[in-house]
Amino acid sequence: MGFCTRRHLFLTICVLQMITVVERQVFDFLGFLWVPILVNFFQIIFIIFGFFGAYQYRPKYIIAYLLWHLFWIAWNTFLICLYLNIAGLDHDTNKVLKLDPTSDSWWKKEGPGCKIVNVDEIPLVYEGCFLDYIYIEVFHAGLQCFFAMFSCVVGVCLSRTFLEEDDTFNFEKADGPDNFLLQPIVA
């Protein structure tokens, strides 16, 4: 058996997912985007499930991880559509991501090179950004979709392998005289 098995690949993907989701969680905390904070928190929990399932050879945990990732892919696709204003969604007028009207993406306010143009206007106007915050948010969501789809393919193969290699024995007592192994020995 080689070093680069499906199990190791899945564990590596889980570690990479954890790093990127925690990074995303930090920036969502800084921007006070509470709905993404909550969804990211659940993602962290299910990454731990998937990691534990692969590490301990428990296919049911991997299956729970895979089922959650269906929602996770839909959530990140929604974020991509929201930030790119696709399908009638508008990130400026849509208040889905925030509970406080003053909260916004941290990258919008503090992105590389961004400076406030006019403090008197509401909402604040930022100029001079090297990279627009929309593309940073879309990149984050796209990266999460990539990791989720890749981990789903590997996770399905891994859980299938674990289920096929399951060597547990069912100790249910069978009725009838044919079951001589479970019959008491009479001397």
N, C-alpha and C. Protein backbone atom coordinates (compact mmCIF):
# COMPACT_ATOMS: atom_id res chain seq x y z
N MET A 1 0.84 -1.17 0.00
CA MET A 1 0.00 0.00 0.00
C MET A 1 0.89 1.24 0.00
N GLY A 2 0.68 2.14 -0.90
CA GLY A 2 1.51 3.33 -1.04
C GLY A 2 1.18 4.40 -0.01
N PHE A 3 2.03 5.40 0.03
CA PHE A 3 1.85 6.49 0.98
C PHE A 3 0.66 7.37 0.62
N CYS A 4 0.47 7.60 -0.67
CA CYS A 4 -0.60 8.50 -1.11
C CYS A 4 -1.88 7.70 -1.37
N THR A 5 -2.53 7.31 -0.31
CA THR A 5 -3.77 6.57 -0.44
C THR A 5 -4.95 7.54 -0.46
N ARG A 6 -6.12 7.01 -0.72
CA ARG A 6 -7.33 7.84 -0.69
C ARG A 6 -7.53 8.46 0.68
N ARG A 7 -7.23 7.69 1.68
CA ARG A 7 -7.41 8.17 3.06
C ARG A 7 -6.50 9.35 3.34
N HIS A 8 -5.23 9.26 2.95
CA HIS A 8 -4.31 10.37 3.16
C HIS A 8 -4.71 11.59 2.33
N LEU A 9 -5.17 11.35 1.12
CA LEU A 9 -5.62 12.45 0.27
C LEU A 9 -6.82 13.15 0.91
N PHE A 10 -7.76 12.38 1.42
CA PHE A 10 -8.94 12.95 2.07
C PHE A 10 -8.55 13.73 3.32
N LEU A 11 -7.65 13.20 4.13
CA LEU A 11 -7.19 13.91 5.32
C LEU A 11 -6.48 15.21 4.95
N THR A 12 -5.70 15.19 3.88
CA THR A 12 -5.02 16.40 3.42
C THR A 12 -6.03 17.45 2.97
N ILE A 13 -7.05 17.02 2.24
CA ILE A 13 -8.09 17.96 1.80
C ILE A 13 -8.80 18.56 3.01
N CYS A 14 -9.08 17.73 4.02
CA CYS A 14 -9.74 18.24 5.23
C CYS A 14 -8.88 19.29 5.93
N VAL A 15 -7.58 19.07 5.99
CA VAL A 15 -6.69 20.05 6.62
C VAL A 15 -6.68 21.35 5.81
N LEU A 16 -6.59 21.24 4.48
CA LEU A 16 -6.62 22.44 3.65
C LEU A 16 -7.95 23.18 3.78
N GLN A 17 -9.04 22.43 3.82
CA GLN A 17 -10.35 23.05 4.02
C GLN A 17 -10.41 23.77 5.36
N MET A 18 -9.89 23.14 6.39
CA MET A 18 -9.93 23.74 7.72
C MET A 18 -9.16 25.06 7.72
N ILE A 19 -8.00 25.09 7.10
CA ILE A 19 -7.19 26.31 7.05
C ILE A 19 -7.95 27.42 6.33
N THR A 20 -8.52 27.11 5.18
CA THR A 20 -9.20 28.15 4.40
C THR A 20 -10.51 28.60 5.06
N VAL A 21 -11.22 27.68 5.72
CA VAL A 21 -12.47 28.07 6.38
C VAL A 21 -12.19 28.91 7.63
N VAL A 22 -11.16 28.57 8.37
CA VAL A 22 -10.81 29.37 9.55
C VAL A 22 -10.35 30.77 9.11
N GLU A 23 -9.59 30.84 8.01
CA GLU A 23 -9.20 32.16 7.48
C GLU A 23 -10.43 32.96 7.08
N ARG A 24 -11.35 32.31 6.42
CA ARG A 24 -12.59 32.99 6.02
C ARG A 24 -13.40 33.41 7.24
N GLN A 25 -13.42 32.56 8.26
CA GLN A 25 -14.16 32.86 9.49
C GLN A 25 -13.60 34.10 10.17
N VAL A 26 -12.28 34.23 10.20
CA VAL A 26 -11.64 35.39 10.83
C VAL A 26 -12.06 36.67 10.11
N PHE A 27 -12.02 36.68 8.79
CA PHE A 27 -12.38 37.89 8.05
C PHE A 27 -13.88 38.17 8.11
N ASP A 28 -14.70 37.14 8.23
CA ASP A 28 -16.14 37.38 8.43
C ASP A 28 -16.40 37.96 9.82
N PHE A 29 -15.65 37.52 10.83
CA PHE A 29 -15.75 38.13 12.16
C PHE A 29 -15.34 39.59 12.12
N LEU A 30 -14.28 39.90 11.41
CA LEU A 30 -13.81 41.29 11.32
C LEU A 30 -14.82 42.19 10.61
N GLY A 31 -15.59 41.62 9.68
CA GLY A 31 -16.59 42.40 8.96
C GLY A 31 -17.98 42.31 9.56
N PHE A 32 -18.14 41.55 10.64
CA PHE A 32 -19.41 41.36 11.33
C PHE A 32 -20.49 40.80 10.42
N LEU A 33 -20.12 39.84 9.57
CA LEU A 33 -21.08 39.15 8.71
C LEU A 33 -21.54 37.90 9.46
N TRP A 34 -22.65 38.00 10.17
CA TRP A 34 -23.05 36.98 11.13
C TRP A 34 -23.60 35.70 10.50
N VAL A 35 -24.30 35.79 9.42
CA VAL A 35 -24.82 34.58 8.78
C VAL A 35 -23.67 33.73 8.22
N PRO A 36 -22.70 34.31 7.51
CA PRO A 36 -21.56 33.48 7.09
C PRO A 36 -20.75 32.93 8.27
N ILE A 37 -20.69 33.67 9.36
CA ILE A 37 -19.98 33.17 10.55
C ILE A 37 -20.64 31.89 11.04
N LEU A 38 -21.96 31.88 11.09
CA LEU A 38 -22.69 30.70 11.55
C LEU A 38 -22.50 29.52 10.60
N VAL A 39 -22.60 29.77 9.31
CA VAL A 39 -22.45 28.69 8.32
C VAL A 39 -21.01 28.16 8.34
N ASN A 40 -20.02 29.06 8.46
CA ASN A 40 -18.62 28.63 8.54
C ASN A 40 -18.38 27.78 9.79
N PHE A 41 -19.05 28.12 10.88
CA PHE A 41 -18.91 27.35 12.11
C PHE A 41 -19.38 25.91 11.90
N PHE A 42 -20.53 25.74 11.25
CA PHE A 42 -21.00 24.39 10.95
C PHE A 42 -20.06 23.66 10.00
N GLN A 43 -19.48 24.39 9.06
CA GLN A 43 -18.52 23.78 8.14
C GLN A 43 -17.31 23.25 8.91
N ILE A 44 -16.84 24.01 9.89
CA ILE A 44 -15.71 23.56 10.70
C ILE A 44 -16.06 22.28 11.45
N ILE A 45 -17.27 22.23 11.99
CA ILE A 45 -17.71 21.02 12.71
C ILE A 45 -17.74 19.81 11.77
N PHE A 46 -18.28 19.98 10.57
CA PHE A 46 -18.38 18.85 9.66
C PHE A 46 -17.03 18.47 9.05
N ILE A 47 -16.10 19.41 8.96
CA ILE A 47 -14.74 19.04 8.55
C ILE A 47 -14.11 18.14 9.61
N ILE A 48 -14.36 18.47 10.87
CA ILE A 48 -13.85 17.63 11.96
C ILE A 48 -14.49 16.24 11.88
N PHE A 49 -15.80 16.17 11.59
CA PHE A 49 -16.46 14.87 11.40
C PHE A 49 -15.77 14.07 10.29
N GLY A 50 -15.56 14.72 9.15
CA GLY A 50 -14.93 14.03 8.02
C GLY A 50 -13.52 13.58 8.34
N PHE A 51 -12.75 14.43 8.99
CA PHE A 51 -11.39 14.08 9.36
C PHE A 51 -11.39 12.90 10.33
N PHE A 52 -12.24 12.97 11.34
CA PHE A 52 -12.33 11.89 12.32
C PHE A 52 -12.81 10.59 11.66
N GLY A 53 -13.77 10.71 10.75
CA GLY A 53 -14.27 9.53 10.06
C GLY A 53 -13.20 8.85 9.22
N ALA A 54 -12.38 9.65 8.53
CA ALA A 54 -11.31 9.06 7.73
C ALA A 54 -10.20 8.51 8.61
N TYR A 55 -9.89 9.20 9.67
CA TYR A 55 -8.80 8.78 10.56
C TYR A 55 -9.15 7.51 11.32
N GLN A 56 -10.42 7.40 11.74
CA GLN A 56 -10.85 6.25 12.54
C GLN A 56 -11.59 5.18 11.72
N TYR A 57 -11.59 5.31 10.39
CA TYR A 57 -12.25 4.35 9.50
C TYR A 57 -13.74 4.24 9.82
N ARG A 58 -14.41 5.38 9.95
CA ARG A 58 -15.85 5.39 10.24
C ARG A 58 -16.58 6.01 9.05
N PRO A 59 -17.16 5.18 8.21
CA PRO A 59 -17.79 5.70 6.99
C PRO A 59 -19.03 6.56 7.25
N LYS A 60 -19.74 6.34 8.37
CA LYS A 60 -20.94 7.13 8.62
C LYS A 60 -20.60 8.59 8.88
N TYR A 61 -19.47 8.87 9.50
CA TYR A 61 -19.05 10.26 9.69
C TYR A 61 -18.67 10.90 8.37
N ILE A 62 -18.06 10.13 7.51
CA ILE A 62 -17.72 10.66 6.18
C ILE A 62 -18.99 10.93 5.38
N ILE A 63 -19.98 10.08 5.51
CA ILE A 63 -21.25 10.29 4.80
C ILE A 63 -21.95 11.54 5.33
N ALA A 64 -21.91 11.78 6.64
CA ALA A 64 -22.48 13.02 7.20
C ALA A 64 -21.74 14.23 6.66
N TYR A 65 -20.43 14.13 6.56
CA TYR A 65 -19.60 15.18 5.97
C TYR A 65 -20.00 15.45 4.52
N LEU A 66 -20.23 14.36 3.76
CA LEU A 66 -20.61 14.50 2.36
C LEU A 66 -21.99 15.13 2.20
N LEU A 67 -22.93 14.74 3.05
CA LEU A 67 -24.27 15.32 2.97
C LEU A 67 -24.25 16.81 3.30
N TRP A 68 -23.47 17.20 4.29
CA TRP A 68 -23.36 18.63 4.62
C TRP A 68 -22.75 19.39 3.44
N HIS A 69 -21.83 18.76 2.73
CA HIS A 69 -21.17 19.46 1.64
C HIS A 69 -22.10 19.76 0.47
N LEU A 70 -23.20 19.06 0.37
CA LEU A 70 -24.21 19.45 -0.63
C LEU A 70 -24.74 20.84 -0.32
N PHE A 71 -25.03 21.09 0.95
CA PHE A 71 -25.46 22.43 1.36
C PHE A 71 -24.32 23.44 1.22
N TRP A 72 -23.10 23.04 1.56
CA TRP A 72 -21.95 23.93 1.52
C TRP A 72 -21.67 24.40 0.09
N ILE A 73 -21.80 23.50 -0.88
CA ILE A 73 -21.62 23.89 -2.28
C ILE A 73 -22.72 24.85 -2.71
N ALA A 74 -23.96 24.58 -2.29
CA ALA A 74 -25.07 25.48 -2.62
C ALA A 74 -24.86 26.85 -1.98
N TRP A 75 -24.39 26.89 -0.75
CA TRP A 75 -24.15 28.16 -0.05
C TRP A 75 -23.08 28.98 -0.77
N ASN A 76 -21.99 28.34 -1.15
CA ASN A 76 -20.91 29.07 -1.83
C ASN A 76 -21.30 29.48 -3.24
N THR A 77 -22.13 28.68 -3.90
CA THR A 77 -22.65 29.09 -5.20
C THR A 77 -23.55 30.31 -5.05
N PHE A 78 -24.37 30.31 -4.00
CA PHE A 78 -25.20 31.48 -3.71
C PHE A 78 -24.33 32.72 -3.47
N LEU A 79 -23.24 32.57 -2.71
CA LEU A 79 -22.36 33.71 -2.45
C LEU A 79 -21.72 34.23 -3.75
N ILE A 80 -21.32 33.32 -4.62
CA ILE A 80 -20.74 33.74 -5.89
C ILE A 80 -21.78 34.52 -6.69
N CYS A 81 -22.99 34.00 -6.77
CA CYS A 81 -24.06 34.70 -7.50
C CYS A 81 -24.40 36.03 -6.84
N LEU A 82 -24.38 36.07 -5.52
CA LEU A 82 -24.69 37.31 -4.81
C LEU A 82 -23.65 38.40 -5.08
N TYR A 83 -22.38 38.06 -4.97
CA TYR A 83 -21.34 39.07 -5.16
C TYR A 83 -21.17 39.48 -6.61
N LEU A 84 -21.51 38.59 -7.54
CA LEU A 84 -21.41 38.94 -8.96
C LEU A 84 -22.73 39.48 -9.52
N ASN A 85 -23.74 39.65 -8.65
CA ASN A 85 -25.05 40.17 -9.03
C ASN A 85 -25.70 39.35 -10.15
N ILE A 86 -25.66 38.03 -9.99
CA ILE A 86 -26.25 37.11 -10.97
C ILE A 86 -27.64 36.71 -10.48
N ALA A 87 -28.55 36.50 -11.40
CA ALA A 87 -29.90 36.00 -11.12
C ALA A 87 -30.70 36.95 -10.24
N GLY A 88 -30.53 38.22 -10.45
CA GLY A 88 -31.32 39.21 -9.70
C GLY A 88 -30.83 39.48 -8.29
N LEU A 89 -29.74 38.88 -7.89
CA LEU A 89 -29.18 39.13 -6.56
C LEU A 89 -28.27 40.35 -6.62
N ASP A 90 -28.29 41.14 -5.56
CA ASP A 90 -27.44 42.33 -5.49
C ASP A 90 -26.84 42.41 -4.09
N HIS A 91 -25.52 42.35 -4.02
CA HIS A 91 -24.86 42.34 -2.73
C HIS A 91 -24.95 43.68 -2.00
N ASP A 92 -25.21 44.77 -2.70
CA ASP A 92 -25.31 46.07 -2.04
C ASP A 92 -26.67 46.26 -1.37
N THR A 93 -27.74 45.76 -1.98
CA THR A 93 -29.07 45.95 -1.40
C THR A 93 -29.54 44.74 -0.61
N ASN A 94 -28.95 43.59 -0.84
CA ASN A 94 -29.36 42.36 -0.15
C ASN A 94 -28.76 42.32 1.25
N LYS A 95 -29.60 42.15 2.23
CA LYS A 95 -29.16 42.12 3.63
C LYS A 95 -29.13 40.70 4.19
N VAL A 96 -28.95 39.71 3.32
CA VAL A 96 -28.97 38.32 3.75
C VAL A 96 -27.79 38.00 4.65
N LEU A 97 -26.64 38.54 4.37
CA LEU A 97 -25.42 38.18 5.07
C LEU A 97 -25.21 38.92 6.39
N LYS A 98 -25.94 39.99 6.60
CA LYS A 98 -25.64 40.81 7.77
C LYS A 98 -26.89 41.09 8.59
N LEU A 99 -26.70 41.14 9.88
CA LEU A 99 -27.79 41.52 10.78
C LEU A 99 -27.76 43.01 11.09
N ASP A 100 -26.60 43.59 10.99
CA ASP A 100 -26.40 45.02 11.25
C ASP A 100 -26.19 45.72 9.91
N PRO A 101 -26.92 46.82 9.66
CA PRO A 101 -26.77 47.48 8.36
C PRO A 101 -25.39 48.08 8.13
N THR A 102 -24.62 48.32 9.19
CA THR A 102 -23.29 48.89 9.01
C THR A 102 -22.23 47.84 8.74
N SER A 103 -22.56 46.56 8.93
CA SER A 103 -21.57 45.51 8.69
C SER A 103 -21.43 45.26 7.19
N ASP A 104 -20.21 44.93 6.82
CA ASP A 104 -19.92 44.65 5.41
C ASP A 104 -18.65 43.84 5.34
N SER A 105 -18.30 43.41 4.18
CA SER A 105 -17.09 42.62 4.01
C SER A 105 -15.88 43.39 4.50
N TRP A 106 -15.03 42.73 5.26
CA TRP A 106 -13.82 43.37 5.75
C TRP A 106 -12.95 43.80 4.60
N TRP A 107 -12.96 43.06 3.52
CA TRP A 107 -12.13 43.37 2.36
C TRP A 107 -12.58 44.66 1.68
N LYS A 108 -13.83 45.03 1.85
CA LYS A 108 -14.32 46.28 1.25
C LYS A 108 -13.71 47.48 1.96
N LYS A 109 -13.60 47.39 3.28
CA LYS A 109 -13.09 48.51 4.06
C LYS A 109 -11.57 48.51 4.18
N GLU A 110 -11.00 47.34 4.35
CA GLU A 110 -9.59 47.25 4.69
C GLU A 110 -8.76 46.51 3.64
N GLY A 111 -9.28 46.38 2.45
CA GLY A 111 -8.54 45.67 1.40
C GLY A 111 -7.24 46.38 1.07
N PRO A 112 -6.35 45.70 0.37
CA PRO A 112 -5.05 46.31 0.05
C PRO A 112 -5.20 47.57 -0.79
N GLY A 113 -4.73 48.69 -0.23
CA GLY A 113 -4.73 49.97 -0.92
C GLY A 113 -6.02 50.76 -0.80
N CYS A 114 -7.05 50.26 -0.14
CA CYS A 114 -8.34 50.95 -0.06
C CYS A 114 -8.26 52.14 0.88
N LYS A 115 -8.82 53.25 0.42
CA LYS A 115 -8.88 54.47 1.22
C LYS A 115 -10.28 55.06 1.12
N ILE A 116 -10.75 55.66 2.22
CA ILE A 116 -12.07 56.28 2.23
C ILE A 116 -11.97 57.61 1.48
N VAL A 117 -12.91 57.82 0.53
CA VAL A 117 -12.91 59.04 -0.27
C VAL A 117 -13.65 60.15 0.45
N ASN A 118 -14.88 59.87 0.91
CA ASN A 118 -15.70 60.89 1.54
C ASN A 118 -16.33 60.29 2.78
N VAL A 119 -15.99 60.84 3.94
CA VAL A 119 -16.48 60.32 5.21
C VAL A 119 -17.93 60.73 5.43
N ASP A 120 -18.37 61.81 4.83
CA ASP A 120 -19.72 62.33 5.06
C ASP A 120 -20.80 61.50 4.37
N GLU A 121 -20.45 60.78 3.33
CA GLU A 121 -21.44 60.00 2.61
C GLU A 121 -21.73 58.69 3.33
N ILE A 122 -22.98 58.27 3.23
CA ILE A 122 -23.35 56.96 3.74
C ILE A 122 -24.04 56.22 2.61
N PRO A 123 -23.60 55.09 2.18
CA PRO A 123 -22.46 54.33 2.66
C PRO A 123 -21.14 54.97 2.25
N LEU A 124 -20.10 54.62 2.98
CA LEU A 124 -18.77 55.16 2.71
C LEU A 124 -18.30 54.71 1.33
N VAL A 125 -17.55 55.58 0.67
CA VAL A 125 -17.03 55.29 -0.65
C VAL A 125 -15.53 55.02 -0.51
N TYR A 126 -15.07 53.92 -1.09
CA TYR A 126 -13.67 53.53 -1.02
C TYR A 126 -13.09 53.56 -2.42
N GLU A 127 -11.85 54.05 -2.53
CA GLU A 127 -11.16 54.07 -3.82
C GLU A 127 -9.71 53.64 -3.62
N GLY A 128 -9.06 53.36 -4.72
CA GLY A 128 -7.64 53.03 -4.69
C GLY A 128 -7.34 51.58 -4.34
N CYS A 129 -8.36 50.75 -4.30
CA CYS A 129 -8.14 49.34 -3.95
C CYS A 129 -7.40 48.65 -5.09
N PHE A 130 -6.38 47.88 -4.73
CA PHE A 130 -5.63 47.14 -5.75
C PHE A 130 -6.47 46.03 -6.35
N LEU A 131 -7.33 45.44 -5.52
CA LEU A 131 -8.20 44.37 -5.97
C LEU A 131 -9.57 44.60 -5.34
N ASP A 132 -10.60 44.60 -6.14
CA ASP A 132 -11.95 44.83 -5.64
C ASP A 132 -12.36 43.71 -4.69
N TYR A 133 -13.02 44.06 -3.61
CA TYR A 133 -13.40 43.08 -2.59
C TYR A 133 -14.34 42.01 -3.15
N ILE A 134 -15.08 42.33 -4.17
CA ILE A 134 -16.01 41.37 -4.77
C ILE A 134 -15.23 40.16 -5.30
N TYR A 135 -14.12 40.41 -5.95
CA TYR A 135 -13.34 39.32 -6.51
C TYR A 135 -12.66 38.48 -5.42
N ILE A 136 -12.30 39.12 -4.32
CA ILE A 136 -11.73 38.37 -3.20
C ILE A 136 -12.78 37.45 -2.59
N GLU A 137 -13.99 37.95 -2.40
CA GLU A 137 -15.07 37.12 -1.85
C GLU A 137 -15.47 36.00 -2.80
N VAL A 138 -15.50 36.29 -4.09
CA VAL A 138 -15.82 35.26 -5.08
C VAL A 138 -14.72 34.20 -5.13
N PHE A 139 -13.46 34.63 -4.99
CA PHE A 139 -12.36 33.67 -4.95
C PHE A 139 -12.48 32.76 -3.74
N HIS A 140 -12.80 33.33 -2.57
CA HIS A 140 -12.98 32.51 -1.36
C HIS A 140 -14.08 31.46 -1.58
N ALA A 141 -15.22 31.90 -2.10
CA ALA A 141 -16.34 30.98 -2.32
C ALA A 141 -15.99 29.94 -3.39
N GLY A 142 -15.31 30.34 -4.44
CA GLY A 142 -14.92 29.40 -5.49
C GLY A 142 -13.92 28.37 -4.99
N LEU A 143 -12.99 28.81 -4.15
CA LEU A 143 -12.02 27.88 -3.57
C LEU A 143 -12.72 26.85 -2.68
N GLN A 144 -13.72 27.30 -1.92
CA GLN A 144 -14.48 26.39 -1.08
C GLN A 144 -15.28 25.40 -1.93
N CYS A 145 -15.85 25.87 -3.04
CA CYS A 145 -16.56 24.95 -3.95
C CYS A 145 -15.61 23.91 -4.52
N PHE A 146 -14.41 24.34 -4.91
CA PHE A 146 -13.43 23.40 -5.46
C PHE A 146 -13.06 22.34 -4.43
N PHE A 147 -12.71 22.77 -3.21
CA PHE A 147 -12.35 21.81 -2.16
C PHE A 147 -13.52 20.88 -1.85
N ALA A 148 -14.74 21.43 -1.81
CA ALA A 148 -15.91 20.61 -1.48
C ALA A 148 -16.18 19.56 -2.55
N MET A 149 -16.10 19.94 -3.81
CA MET A 149 -16.36 18.97 -4.87
C MET A 149 -15.26 17.91 -4.93
N PHE A 150 -14.02 18.33 -4.77
CA PHE A 150 -12.91 17.38 -4.79
C PHE A 150 -13.00 16.42 -3.61
N SER A 151 -13.32 16.96 -2.43
CA SER A 151 -13.43 16.10 -1.25
C SER A 151 -14.64 15.18 -1.33
N CYS A 152 -15.70 15.62 -2.02
CA CYS A 152 -16.86 14.74 -2.19
C CYS A 152 -16.52 13.53 -3.04
N VAL A 153 -15.77 13.73 -4.12
CA VAL A 153 -15.38 12.61 -4.98
C VAL A 153 -14.50 11.65 -4.19
N VAL A 154 -13.49 12.18 -3.51
CA VAL A 154 -12.59 11.32 -2.74
C VAL A 154 -13.34 10.69 -1.56
N GLY A 155 -14.23 11.45 -0.93
CA GLY A 155 -14.98 10.94 0.21
C GLY A 155 -15.93 9.82 -0.15
N VAL A 156 -16.57 9.91 -1.31
CA VAL A 156 -17.46 8.83 -1.76
C VAL A 156 -16.64 7.57 -1.99
N CYS A 157 -15.51 7.69 -2.66
CA CYS A 157 -14.66 6.52 -2.90
C CYS A 157 -14.14 5.94 -1.59
N LEU A 158 -13.76 6.81 -0.67
CA LEU A 158 -13.22 6.36 0.61
C LEU A 158 -14.28 5.68 1.46
N SER A 159 -15.47 6.27 1.55
CA SER A 159 -16.52 5.65 2.36
C SER A 159 -16.98 4.33 1.74
N ARG A 160 -16.99 4.27 0.44
CA ARG A 160 -17.33 3.01 -0.23
C ARG A 160 -16.30 1.94 0.09
N THR A 161 -15.03 2.32 0.07
CA THR A 161 -13.96 1.38 0.42
C THR A 161 -14.10 0.91 1.85
N PHE A 162 -14.38 1.85 2.76
CA PHE A 162 -14.55 1.49 4.17
C PHE A 162 -15.73 0.55 4.36
N LEU A 163 -16.83 0.81 3.65
CA LEU A 163 -18.01 -0.04 3.79
C LEU A 163 -17.77 -1.43 3.22
N GLU A 164 -16.99 -1.54 2.13
CA GLU A 164 -16.69 -2.84 1.55
C GLU A 164 -15.73 -3.64 2.41
N GLU A 165 -14.84 -2.94 3.11
CA GLU A 165 -13.86 -3.62 3.95
C GLU A 165 -14.35 -3.84 5.37
N ASP A 166 -15.60 -3.55 5.63
CA ASP A 166 -16.14 -3.68 6.97
C ASP A 166 -16.14 -5.16 7.35
N ASP A 167 -15.36 -5.51 8.38
CA ASP A 167 -15.24 -6.90 8.77
C ASP A 167 -15.94 -7.20 10.09
N THR A 168 -16.92 -6.39 10.42
CA THR A 168 -17.67 -6.67 11.65
C THR A 168 -18.57 -7.87 11.41
N PHE A 169 -18.83 -8.61 12.45
CA PHE A 169 -19.65 -9.81 12.36
C PHE A 169 -20.95 -9.56 13.09
N ASN A 170 -22.04 -9.94 12.49
CA ASN A 170 -23.34 -9.76 13.10
C ASN A 170 -23.60 -10.94 14.03
N PHE A 171 -23.68 -10.67 15.32
CA PHE A 171 -23.83 -11.72 16.31
C PHE A 171 -25.28 -12.00 16.67
N GLU A 172 -26.21 -11.69 15.79
CA GLU A 172 -27.61 -11.97 16.08
C GLU A 172 -27.83 -13.47 16.11
N LYS A 173 -28.58 -13.92 17.08
CA LYS A 173 -28.84 -15.35 17.22
C LYS A 173 -29.92 -15.75 16.22
N ALA A 174 -29.60 -16.77 15.44
CA ALA A 174 -30.55 -17.26 14.45
C ALA A 174 -31.42 -18.33 15.10
N ASP A 175 -32.67 -18.37 14.68
CA ASP A 175 -33.59 -19.38 15.20
C ASP A 175 -33.44 -20.66 14.39
N GLY A 176 -33.62 -21.78 15.06
CA GLY A 176 -33.62 -23.05 14.36
C GLY A 176 -32.43 -23.91 14.72
N PRO A 177 -32.53 -25.18 14.41
CA PRO A 177 -31.47 -26.14 14.76
C PRO A 177 -30.25 -26.06 13.84
N ASP A 178 -30.35 -25.30 12.73
CA ASP A 178 -29.23 -25.21 11.80
C ASP A 178 -28.06 -24.43 12.39
N ASN A 179 -28.33 -23.66 13.40
CA ASN A 179 -27.30 -22.81 13.98
C ASN A 179 -26.56 -23.58 15.08
N PHE A 180 -25.66 -24.45 14.70
CA PHE A 180 -24.98 -25.29 15.68
C PHE A 180 -23.89 -24.54 16.43
N LEU A 181 -23.42 -23.39 15.89
CA LEU A 181 -22.36 -22.64 16.59
C LEU A 181 -22.89 -21.93 17.84
N LEU A 182 -24.14 -21.57 17.82
CA LEU A 182 -24.70 -20.86 18.97
C LEU A 182 -25.43 -21.79 19.93
N GLN A 183 -25.45 -23.11 19.63
CA GLN A 183 -26.11 -24.08 20.50
C GLN A 183 -25.19 -24.42 21.68
N PRO A 184 -25.74 -24.51 22.86
CA PRO A 184 -24.89 -24.90 23.99
C PRO A 184 -24.45 -26.35 23.85
N ILE A 185 -23.26 -26.62 24.33
CA ILE A 185 -22.74 -27.97 24.27
C ILE A 185 -23.26 -28.74 25.50
N VAL A 186 -23.92 -29.88 25.24
CA VAL A 186 -24.49 -30.69 26.32
C VAL A 186 -23.57 -31.90 26.50
N ALA A 187 -23.15 -32.11 27.74
CA ALA A 187 -22.25 -33.22 27.99
C ALA A 187 -22.96 -34.41 28.57
